Amino acid sequence: MFDRIRSAAIFGIHQATVAIGISLFPVAVFARKRLGINVPVGRLVETTGDVYERAEE
C-alpha cells in the first residue's frame, strides 16, 4: 500500500515539474536569448521521470 502512495506522490511531483517546465518556457527562451543563461528545467523533468520509472519497477 505504501508503494502505491509513494508511486502516486512521485508521479504527482513529476507532473508538477512538467507543468512548471511548460509555464516557464517563455522565461527560459528569454533568458537564453537575452541573458545567455540556460534554465535547467528540462533536466529537472528528466530526473523526476527517471525516479518515477524506477519507483514503478
N, C-alpha and C. Protein backbone atom coordinates (compact mmCIF):
# COMPACT_ATOMS: atom_id res chain seq x y z
N MET A 1 0.82 -1.19 0.00
CA MET A 1 0.00 0.00 0.00
C MET A 1 0.87 1.26 0.00
N PHE A 2 1.95 1.24 0.78
CA PHE A 2 2.82 2.41 0.82
C PHE A 2 3.54 2.61 -0.51
N ASP A 3 3.79 1.52 -1.23
CA ASP A 3 4.41 1.64 -2.54
C ASP A 3 3.50 2.40 -3.51
N ARG A 4 2.21 2.13 -3.43
CA ARG A 4 1.26 2.84 -4.30
C ARG A 4 1.20 4.32 -3.96
N ILE A 5 1.23 4.62 -2.66
CA ILE A 5 1.21 6.02 -2.23
C ILE A 5 2.48 6.72 -2.70
N ARG A 6 3.61 6.05 -2.52
CA ARG A 6 4.89 6.62 -2.95
C ARG A 6 4.91 6.84 -4.44
N SER A 7 4.44 5.86 -5.20
CA SER A 7 4.38 5.99 -6.65
C SER A 7 3.49 7.15 -7.08
N ALA A 8 2.34 7.26 -6.43
CA ALA A 8 1.42 8.34 -6.76
C ALA A 8 2.03 9.71 -6.43
N ALA A 9 2.73 9.79 -5.31
CA ALA A 9 3.37 11.06 -4.93
C ALA A 9 4.47 11.43 -5.92
N ILE A 10 5.28 10.47 -6.32
CA ILE A 10 6.35 10.73 -7.28
C ILE A 10 5.75 11.12 -8.63
N PHE A 11 4.67 10.46 -9.03
CA PHE A 11 4.01 10.81 -10.28
C PHE A 11 3.48 12.24 -10.22
N GLY A 12 2.90 12.62 -9.08
CA GLY A 12 2.40 13.99 -8.92
C GLY A 12 3.51 15.01 -9.00
N ILE A 13 4.63 14.71 -8.39
CA ILE A 13 5.79 15.61 -8.46
C ILE A 13 6.29 15.72 -9.89
N HIS A 14 6.33 14.60 -10.59
CA HIS A 14 6.76 14.63 -11.99
C HIS A 14 5.81 15.48 -12.83
N GLN A 15 4.52 15.30 -12.65
CA GLN A 15 3.55 16.08 -13.41
C GLN A 15 3.65 17.57 -13.08
N ALA A 16 3.93 17.88 -11.82
CA ALA A 16 4.11 19.28 -11.42
C ALA A 16 5.32 19.89 -12.10
N THR A 17 6.41 19.13 -12.19
CA THR A 17 7.60 19.66 -12.86
C THR A 17 7.37 19.85 -14.35
N VAL A 18 6.57 18.97 -14.95
CA VAL A 18 6.23 19.14 -16.37
C VAL A 18 5.42 20.43 -16.54
N ALA A 19 4.44 20.65 -15.66
CA ALA A 19 3.63 21.87 -15.75
C ALA A 19 4.48 23.12 -15.53
N ILE A 20 5.40 23.06 -14.58
CA ILE A 20 6.30 24.19 -14.34
C ILE A 20 7.18 24.43 -15.55
N GLY A 21 7.68 23.36 -16.14
CA GLY A 21 8.52 23.50 -17.34
C GLY A 21 7.77 24.14 -18.49
N ILE A 22 6.52 23.74 -18.68
CA ILE A 22 5.72 24.33 -19.75
C ILE A 22 5.45 25.80 -19.48
N SER A 23 5.12 26.13 -18.24
CA SER A 23 4.80 27.52 -17.92
C SER A 23 6.04 28.41 -17.93
N LEU A 24 7.22 27.86 -17.65
CA LEU A 24 8.45 28.65 -17.66
C LEU A 24 9.14 28.70 -19.02
N PHE A 25 8.57 28.06 -20.01
CA PHE A 25 9.21 28.03 -21.32
C PHE A 25 9.49 29.42 -21.88
N PRO A 26 8.53 30.35 -21.86
CA PRO A 26 8.84 31.69 -22.38
C PRO A 26 9.97 32.38 -21.59
N VAL A 27 10.01 32.16 -20.29
CA VAL A 27 11.07 32.74 -19.47
C VAL A 27 12.42 32.12 -19.86
N ALA A 28 12.43 30.82 -20.08
CA ALA A 28 13.68 30.15 -20.46
C ALA A 28 14.18 30.63 -21.81
N VAL A 29 13.27 30.82 -22.76
CA VAL A 29 13.68 31.32 -24.07
C VAL A 29 14.24 32.73 -23.94
N PHE A 30 13.57 33.58 -23.18
CA PHE A 30 14.06 34.94 -22.96
C PHE A 30 15.43 34.94 -22.29
N ALA A 31 15.57 34.11 -21.26
CA ALA A 31 16.83 34.06 -20.52
C ALA A 31 17.97 33.58 -21.42
N ARG A 32 17.69 32.65 -22.29
CA ARG A 32 18.74 32.14 -23.17
C ARG A 32 19.12 33.16 -24.24
N LYS A 33 18.11 33.80 -24.85
CA LYS A 33 18.40 34.73 -25.96
C LYS A 33 18.96 36.06 -25.47
N ARG A 34 18.37 36.60 -24.42
CA ARG A 34 18.77 37.94 -23.99
C ARG A 34 19.90 37.94 -22.97
N LEU A 35 19.89 36.97 -22.08
CA LEU A 35 20.85 36.97 -20.97
C LEU A 35 21.95 35.93 -21.12
N GLY A 36 21.74 34.95 -22.01
CA GLY A 36 22.73 33.89 -22.19
C GLY A 36 22.75 32.88 -21.06
N ILE A 37 21.63 32.75 -20.35
CA ILE A 37 21.53 31.84 -19.21
C ILE A 37 20.62 30.67 -19.59
N ASN A 38 21.07 29.47 -19.32
CA ASN A 38 20.22 28.29 -19.53
C ASN A 38 19.47 27.96 -18.25
N VAL A 39 18.16 27.78 -18.37
CA VAL A 39 17.34 27.38 -17.23
C VAL A 39 17.22 25.86 -17.28
N PRO A 40 17.68 25.13 -16.24
CA PRO A 40 17.75 23.67 -16.30
C PRO A 40 16.45 22.95 -15.97
N VAL A 41 15.33 23.43 -16.49
CA VAL A 41 14.04 22.80 -16.20
C VAL A 41 13.94 21.45 -16.88
N GLY A 42 14.47 21.33 -18.08
CA GLY A 42 14.43 20.05 -18.80
C GLY A 42 15.14 18.95 -18.04
N ARG A 43 16.25 19.29 -17.44
CA ARG A 43 17.00 18.30 -16.65
C ARG A 43 16.18 17.87 -15.43
N LEU A 44 15.47 18.82 -14.83
CA LEU A 44 14.63 18.51 -13.67
C LEU A 44 13.49 17.56 -14.06
N VAL A 45 12.87 17.82 -15.19
CA VAL A 45 11.78 16.95 -15.67
C VAL A 45 12.32 15.55 -15.98
N GLU A 46 13.48 15.47 -16.62
CA GLU A 46 14.07 14.16 -16.92
C GLU A 46 14.40 13.39 -15.65
N THR A 47 14.94 14.08 -14.66
CA THR A 47 15.30 13.43 -13.40
C THR A 47 14.08 12.89 -12.69
N THR A 48 13.02 13.68 -12.62
CA THR A 48 11.81 13.18 -11.94
C THR A 48 11.17 12.05 -12.73
N GLY A 49 11.27 12.10 -14.05
CA GLY A 49 10.77 11.00 -14.87
C GLY A 49 11.53 9.71 -14.61
N ASP A 50 12.85 9.82 -14.49
CA ASP A 50 13.66 8.64 -14.19
C ASP A 50 13.33 8.07 -12.82
N VAL A 51 13.15 8.94 -11.84
CA VAL A 51 12.79 8.49 -10.49
C VAL A 51 11.45 7.78 -10.51
N TYR A 52 10.49 8.32 -11.24
CA TYR A 52 9.17 7.69 -11.34
C TYR A 52 9.26 6.31 -12.00
N GLU A 53 10.04 6.21 -13.06
CA GLU A 53 10.19 4.92 -13.73
C GLU A 53 10.83 3.89 -12.82
N ARG A 54 11.84 4.31 -12.03
CA ARG A 54 12.46 3.38 -11.10
C ARG A 54 11.51 2.98 -9.97
N ALA A 55 10.64 3.87 -9.57
CA ALA A 55 9.70 3.58 -8.49
C ALA A 55 8.65 2.56 -8.92
N GLU A 56 8.32 2.54 -10.22
CA GLU A 56 7.33 1.59 -10.71
C GLU A 56 7.88 0.18 -10.80
N GLU A 57 9.18 0.03 -10.87
CA GLU A 57 9.78 -1.30 -11.04
C GLU A 57 9.72 -2.11 -9.79
